[in-house]
Amino acid sequence: MKTVDNIQKTDIMNSYLFKGEFVMIERRNIAVCIVLTLVTCGIYGIYWIVCLTNDVNTVSGDVNGTSGGMVVLLTIVTCGIYGIYWAYKQERSLTLQRITVESRQATAVFCI
């Protein structure tokens, strides 16, 4: 993890502040994901879900959240039902994170 002291300005666009440290999130291209998923017969899609889950857990600060591997396992065991719940849960986590960031920005602008 990169700390506040050694982060570069170009990294700020892909980083999120988590417990006083900037956490880097890899930028992913959806078109590349679709092509790689088709070429690898779905294996890359599974990997992508694991990475997205772990990234959302990192950004939202949910250290006790379901890991990416567990999401894939539960989705397979429940024949896709858990995948639907997972998508809802990820959307909710990201929405709450966005609201938190926007309220902090509004507070900072108001104080200035």
N, C-alpha and C. Protein backbone atom coordinates (compact mmCIF):
# COMPACT_ATOMS: atom_id res chain seq x y z
N MET A 1 0.83 -1.18 0.00
CA MET A 1 0.00 0.00 0.00
C MET A 1 0.87 1.24 0.00
N LYS A 2 0.41 2.24 -0.70
CA LYS A 2 1.13 3.50 -0.73
C LYS A 2 0.60 4.41 0.36
N THR A 3 1.51 5.08 1.03
CA THR A 3 1.10 6.02 2.06
C THR A 3 0.90 7.39 1.45
N VAL A 4 0.36 8.30 2.24
CA VAL A 4 0.09 9.65 1.77
C VAL A 4 1.39 10.34 1.36
N ASP A 5 2.49 10.03 2.01
CA ASP A 5 3.75 10.72 1.75
C ASP A 5 4.35 10.38 0.39
N ASN A 6 4.23 9.11 -0.05
CA ASN A 6 4.94 8.71 -1.27
C ASN A 6 4.02 8.47 -2.46
N ILE A 7 2.81 8.95 -2.43
CA ILE A 7 1.91 8.77 -3.57
C ILE A 7 2.19 9.85 -4.61
N GLN A 8 2.17 9.47 -5.87
CA GLN A 8 2.41 10.41 -6.94
C GLN A 8 1.09 11.03 -7.39
N LYS A 9 1.18 12.18 -8.02
CA LYS A 9 -0.03 12.87 -8.46
C LYS A 9 -0.80 12.06 -9.50
N THR A 10 -0.11 11.30 -10.35
CA THR A 10 -0.80 10.51 -11.37
C THR A 10 -1.56 9.35 -10.76
N ASP A 11 -1.20 8.91 -9.57
CA ASP A 11 -1.86 7.81 -8.91
C ASP A 11 -3.15 8.21 -8.22
N ILE A 12 -3.37 9.50 -8.03
CA ILE A 12 -4.52 9.96 -7.26
C ILE A 12 -5.84 9.56 -7.92
N MET A 13 -5.89 9.51 -9.23
CA MET A 13 -7.13 9.18 -9.92
C MET A 13 -7.60 7.76 -9.65
N ASN A 14 -6.69 6.82 -9.39
CA ASN A 14 -7.04 5.42 -9.17
C ASN A 14 -6.85 5.00 -7.72
N SER A 15 -6.79 5.94 -6.80
CA SER A 15 -6.53 5.60 -5.41
C SER A 15 -7.69 6.06 -4.53
N TYR A 16 -7.82 5.38 -3.42
CA TYR A 16 -8.88 5.68 -2.47
C TYR A 16 -8.27 5.72 -1.08
N LEU A 17 -8.72 6.67 -0.28
CA LEU A 17 -8.22 6.81 1.07
C LEU A 17 -8.91 5.79 1.96
N PHE A 18 -8.12 4.93 2.60
CA PHE A 18 -8.66 3.89 3.46
C PHE A 18 -7.81 3.83 4.72
N LYS A 19 -8.40 4.19 5.85
CA LYS A 19 -7.71 4.18 7.14
C LYS A 19 -6.40 4.96 7.10
N GLY A 20 -6.42 6.13 6.50
CA GLY A 20 -5.25 6.99 6.48
C GLY A 20 -4.24 6.66 5.41
N GLU A 21 -4.47 5.62 4.60
CA GLU A 21 -3.55 5.25 3.54
C GLU A 21 -4.28 5.23 2.21
N PHE A 22 -3.56 5.57 1.16
CA PHE A 22 -4.14 5.48 -0.17
C PHE A 22 -4.00 4.05 -0.66
N VAL A 23 -5.10 3.50 -1.13
CA VAL A 23 -5.13 2.14 -1.64
C VAL A 23 -5.33 2.22 -3.15
N MET A 24 -4.45 1.56 -3.89
CA MET A 24 -4.53 1.59 -5.34
C MET A 24 -5.51 0.53 -5.85
N ILE A 25 -6.38 0.93 -6.75
CA ILE A 25 -7.31 0.02 -7.39
C ILE A 25 -6.96 -0.01 -8.87
N GLU A 26 -6.78 -1.22 -9.40
CA GLU A 26 -6.40 -1.36 -10.81
C GLU A 26 -7.58 -1.00 -11.71
N ARG A 27 -7.31 -0.23 -12.72
CA ARG A 27 -8.33 0.16 -13.69
C ARG A 27 -8.52 -1.01 -14.65
N ARG A 28 -9.79 -1.40 -14.87
CA ARG A 28 -10.09 -2.54 -15.74
C ARG A 28 -10.98 -2.11 -16.90
N ASN A 29 -10.75 -2.71 -18.05
CA ASN A 29 -11.51 -2.41 -19.26
C ASN A 29 -12.54 -3.50 -19.49
N ILE A 30 -13.81 -3.14 -19.57
CA ILE A 30 -14.88 -4.12 -19.70
C ILE A 30 -14.80 -4.86 -21.03
N ALA A 31 -14.39 -4.18 -22.10
CA ALA A 31 -14.28 -4.84 -23.40
C ALA A 31 -13.22 -5.94 -23.38
N VAL A 32 -12.10 -5.66 -22.76
CA VAL A 32 -11.04 -6.67 -22.63
C VAL A 32 -11.54 -7.85 -21.80
N CYS A 33 -12.29 -7.55 -20.76
CA CYS A 33 -12.83 -8.60 -19.91
C CYS A 33 -13.76 -9.52 -20.70
N ILE A 34 -14.61 -8.94 -21.51
CA ILE A 34 -15.54 -9.75 -22.30
C ILE A 34 -14.79 -10.62 -23.30
N VAL A 35 -13.81 -10.04 -23.97
CA VAL A 35 -13.04 -10.82 -24.95
C VAL A 35 -12.27 -11.94 -24.26
N LEU A 36 -11.61 -11.64 -23.15
CA LEU A 36 -10.85 -12.67 -22.44
C LEU A 36 -11.76 -13.75 -21.86
N THR A 37 -12.96 -13.37 -21.43
CA THR A 37 -13.91 -14.34 -20.92
C THR A 37 -14.34 -15.30 -22.03
N LEU A 38 -14.57 -14.76 -23.22
CA LEU A 38 -14.95 -15.62 -24.35
C LEU A 38 -13.80 -16.53 -24.77
N VAL A 39 -12.59 -15.98 -24.82
CA VAL A 39 -11.42 -16.76 -25.25
C VAL A 39 -11.10 -17.88 -24.25
N THR A 40 -11.26 -17.59 -22.96
CA THR A 40 -10.91 -18.59 -21.93
C THR A 40 -12.11 -19.41 -21.48
N CYS A 41 -13.21 -19.34 -22.23
CA CYS A 41 -14.43 -20.10 -21.92
C CYS A 41 -14.97 -19.82 -20.51
N GLY A 42 -14.89 -18.58 -20.09
CA GLY A 42 -15.49 -18.16 -18.83
C GLY A 42 -14.56 -18.12 -17.64
N ILE A 43 -13.37 -18.63 -17.77
CA ILE A 43 -12.44 -18.68 -16.63
C ILE A 43 -12.02 -17.26 -16.22
N TYR A 44 -11.73 -16.41 -17.20
CA TYR A 44 -11.34 -15.04 -16.86
C TYR A 44 -12.49 -14.29 -16.20
N GLY A 45 -13.72 -14.58 -16.56
CA GLY A 45 -14.88 -13.96 -15.93
C GLY A 45 -14.95 -14.25 -14.45
N ILE A 46 -14.61 -15.48 -14.08
CA ILE A 46 -14.57 -15.85 -12.66
C ILE A 46 -13.49 -15.05 -11.94
N TYR A 47 -12.32 -14.96 -12.56
CA TYR A 47 -11.22 -14.18 -11.98
C TYR A 47 -11.63 -12.72 -11.83
N TRP A 48 -12.33 -12.18 -12.81
CA TRP A 48 -12.76 -10.79 -12.79
C TRP A 48 -13.72 -10.53 -11.65
N ILE A 49 -14.63 -11.45 -11.40
CA ILE A 49 -15.57 -11.30 -10.28
C ILE A 49 -14.82 -11.29 -8.96
N VAL A 50 -13.82 -12.16 -8.83
CA VAL A 50 -13.01 -12.20 -7.61
C VAL A 50 -12.31 -10.85 -7.40
N CYS A 51 -11.71 -10.32 -8.45
CA CYS A 51 -11.01 -9.03 -8.34
C CYS A 51 -11.96 -7.88 -8.02
N LEU A 52 -13.11 -7.85 -8.68
CA LEU A 52 -14.07 -6.78 -8.41
C LEU A 52 -14.58 -6.82 -6.98
N THR A 53 -14.85 -8.01 -6.48
CA THR A 53 -15.32 -8.15 -5.11
C THR A 53 -14.27 -7.65 -4.13
N ASN A 54 -13.04 -8.05 -4.33
CA ASN A 54 -11.97 -7.61 -3.43
C ASN A 54 -11.75 -6.11 -3.51
N ASP A 55 -11.85 -5.52 -4.71
CA ASP A 55 -11.69 -4.07 -4.86
C ASP A 55 -12.81 -3.31 -4.15
N VAL A 56 -14.05 -3.77 -4.30
CA VAL A 56 -15.18 -3.10 -3.64
C VAL A 56 -15.04 -3.22 -2.13
N ASN A 57 -14.61 -4.37 -1.63
CA ASN A 57 -14.39 -4.52 -0.19
C ASN A 57 -13.33 -3.55 0.30
N THR A 58 -12.29 -3.35 -0.49
CA THR A 58 -11.22 -2.43 -0.12
C THR A 58 -11.71 -0.99 -0.11
N VAL A 59 -12.40 -0.59 -1.15
CA VAL A 59 -12.87 0.79 -1.27
C VAL A 59 -13.90 1.12 -0.19
N SER A 60 -14.79 0.17 0.07
CA SER A 60 -15.84 0.44 1.05
C SER A 60 -15.35 0.28 2.49
N GLY A 61 -14.15 -0.28 2.67
CA GLY A 61 -13.62 -0.46 4.02
C GLY A 61 -14.22 -1.65 4.74
N ASP A 62 -14.86 -2.53 4.01
CA ASP A 62 -15.51 -3.70 4.59
C ASP A 62 -14.50 -4.84 4.69
N VAL A 63 -13.73 -4.87 5.80
CA VAL A 63 -12.71 -5.89 5.96
C VAL A 63 -13.30 -7.26 6.26
N ASN A 64 -14.53 -7.30 6.75
CA ASN A 64 -15.18 -8.57 7.03
C ASN A 64 -16.12 -9.00 5.91
N GLY A 65 -16.05 -8.33 4.77
CA GLY A 65 -16.91 -8.65 3.64
C GLY A 65 -16.56 -10.00 3.03
N THR A 66 -17.48 -10.52 2.26
CA THR A 66 -17.27 -11.80 1.61
C THR A 66 -16.15 -11.67 0.59
N SER A 67 -15.17 -12.56 0.64
CA SER A 67 -14.05 -12.50 -0.29
C SER A 67 -14.50 -12.91 -1.68
N GLY A 68 -13.69 -12.59 -2.68
CA GLY A 68 -14.02 -12.91 -4.05
C GLY A 68 -14.15 -14.40 -4.29
N GLY A 69 -13.25 -15.18 -3.71
CA GLY A 69 -13.32 -16.64 -3.87
C GLY A 69 -14.58 -17.22 -3.27
N MET A 70 -14.99 -16.71 -2.14
CA MET A 70 -16.21 -17.19 -1.50
C MET A 70 -17.44 -16.82 -2.31
N VAL A 71 -17.42 -15.65 -2.95
CA VAL A 71 -18.53 -15.25 -3.81
C VAL A 71 -18.69 -16.24 -4.97
N VAL A 72 -17.59 -16.60 -5.59
CA VAL A 72 -17.64 -17.56 -6.70
C VAL A 72 -18.15 -18.91 -6.22
N LEU A 73 -17.64 -19.37 -5.09
CA LEU A 73 -18.06 -20.66 -4.55
C LEU A 73 -19.55 -20.66 -4.22
N LEU A 74 -20.03 -19.63 -3.53
CA LEU A 74 -21.44 -19.56 -3.17
C LEU A 74 -22.34 -19.43 -4.40
N THR A 75 -21.87 -18.73 -5.42
CA THR A 75 -22.65 -18.60 -6.64
C THR A 75 -22.79 -19.95 -7.34
N ILE A 76 -21.72 -20.72 -7.35
CA ILE A 76 -21.78 -22.06 -7.97
C ILE A 76 -22.69 -22.97 -7.16
N VAL A 77 -22.55 -22.97 -5.85
CA VAL A 77 -23.34 -23.86 -4.99
C VAL A 77 -24.83 -23.54 -5.06
N THR A 78 -25.18 -22.26 -5.15
CA THR A 78 -26.59 -21.88 -5.16
C THR A 78 -27.15 -21.72 -6.58
N CYS A 79 -26.42 -22.20 -7.57
CA CYS A 79 -26.86 -22.15 -8.98
C CYS A 79 -27.14 -20.72 -9.44
N GLY A 80 -26.34 -19.78 -9.01
CA GLY A 80 -26.45 -18.40 -9.48
C GLY A 80 -27.28 -17.48 -8.62
N ILE A 81 -28.01 -18.01 -7.65
CA ILE A 81 -28.87 -17.15 -6.82
C ILE A 81 -28.02 -16.19 -5.99
N TYR A 82 -26.93 -16.67 -5.44
CA TYR A 82 -26.07 -15.79 -4.65
C TYR A 82 -25.45 -14.70 -5.52
N GLY A 83 -25.23 -14.98 -6.79
CA GLY A 83 -24.69 -13.98 -7.70
C GLY A 83 -25.60 -12.77 -7.84
N ILE A 84 -26.91 -13.01 -7.83
CA ILE A 84 -27.87 -11.91 -7.89
C ILE A 84 -27.79 -11.08 -6.60
N TYR A 85 -27.75 -11.76 -5.46
CA TYR A 85 -27.62 -11.06 -4.18
C TYR A 85 -26.30 -10.30 -4.12
N TRP A 86 -25.24 -10.90 -4.63
CA TRP A 86 -23.92 -10.27 -4.63
C TRP A 86 -23.96 -8.97 -5.43
N ALA A 87 -24.59 -8.99 -6.60
CA ALA A 87 -24.67 -7.79 -7.43
C ALA A 87 -25.41 -6.67 -6.69
N TYR A 88 -26.50 -7.02 -6.01
CA TYR A 88 -27.24 -6.03 -5.22
C TYR A 88 -26.37 -5.49 -4.09
N LYS A 89 -25.67 -6.37 -3.42
CA LYS A 89 -24.83 -5.96 -2.29
C LYS A 89 -23.68 -5.06 -2.74
N GLN A 90 -23.07 -5.36 -3.89
CA GLN A 90 -21.97 -4.53 -4.41
C GLN A 90 -22.48 -3.14 -4.77
N GLU A 91 -23.65 -3.09 -5.41
CA GLU A 91 -24.22 -1.80 -5.79
C GLU A 91 -24.50 -0.96 -4.55
N ARG A 92 -25.01 -1.59 -3.53
CA ARG A 92 -25.33 -0.87 -2.29
C ARG A 92 -24.05 -0.35 -1.62
N SER A 93 -23.00 -1.18 -1.58
CA SER A 93 -21.73 -0.76 -0.98
C SER A 93 -21.14 0.44 -1.72
N LEU A 94 -21.16 0.38 -3.04
CA LEU A 94 -20.60 1.48 -3.83
C LEU A 94 -21.43 2.75 -3.70
N THR A 95 -22.75 2.61 -3.62
CA THR A 95 -23.61 3.78 -3.45
C THR A 95 -23.34 4.44 -2.10
N LEU A 96 -23.22 3.65 -1.04
CA LEU A 96 -22.93 4.21 0.28
C LEU A 96 -21.57 4.89 0.30
N GLN A 97 -20.59 4.30 -0.38
CA GLN A 97 -19.26 4.90 -0.45
C GLN A 97 -19.31 6.22 -1.21
N ARG A 98 -20.05 6.27 -2.31
CA ARG A 98 -20.18 7.50 -3.09
C ARG A 98 -20.85 8.60 -2.28
N ILE A 99 -21.89 8.25 -1.54
CA ILE A 99 -22.59 9.24 -0.71
C ILE A 99 -21.67 9.78 0.37
N THR A 100 -20.87 8.90 0.96
CA THR A 100 -19.93 9.33 2.00
C THR A 100 -18.89 10.29 1.44
N VAL A 101 -18.34 9.96 0.28
CA VAL A 101 -17.33 10.83 -0.34
C VAL A 101 -17.93 12.16 -0.73
N GLU A 102 -19.14 12.15 -1.31
CA GLU A 102 -19.78 13.40 -1.71
C GLU A 102 -20.11 14.28 -0.50
N SER A 103 -20.52 13.68 0.61
CA SER A 103 -20.82 14.49 1.79
C SER A 103 -19.55 15.09 2.37
N ARG A 104 -18.43 14.36 2.32
CA ARG A 104 -17.17 14.92 2.78
C ARG A 104 -16.74 16.07 1.91
N GLN A 105 -16.91 15.94 0.59
CA GLN A 105 -16.53 17.01 -0.32
C GLN A 105 -17.40 18.24 -0.09
N ALA A 106 -18.69 18.03 0.12
CA ALA A 106 -19.60 19.15 0.35
C ALA A 106 -19.25 19.86 1.66
N THR A 107 -18.88 19.09 2.68
CA THR A 107 -18.48 19.67 3.95
C THR A 107 -17.21 20.48 3.79
N ALA A 108 -16.25 19.96 3.01
CA ALA A 108 -14.99 20.67 2.78
C ALA A 108 -15.23 21.97 2.02
N VAL A 109 -16.10 21.92 1.02
CA VAL A 109 -16.40 23.14 0.26
C VAL A 109 -17.12 24.14 1.14
N PHE A 110 -18.03 23.69 1.97
CA PHE A 110 -18.76 24.58 2.86
C PHE A 110 -17.84 25.25 3.86
N CYS A 111 -16.85 24.51 4.37
CA CYS A 111 -15.91 25.07 5.34
C CYS A 111 -14.98 26.10 4.73
N ILE A 112 -14.68 25.93 3.46
CA ILE A 112 -13.77 26.86 2.78
C ILE A 112 -14.49 28.15 2.57
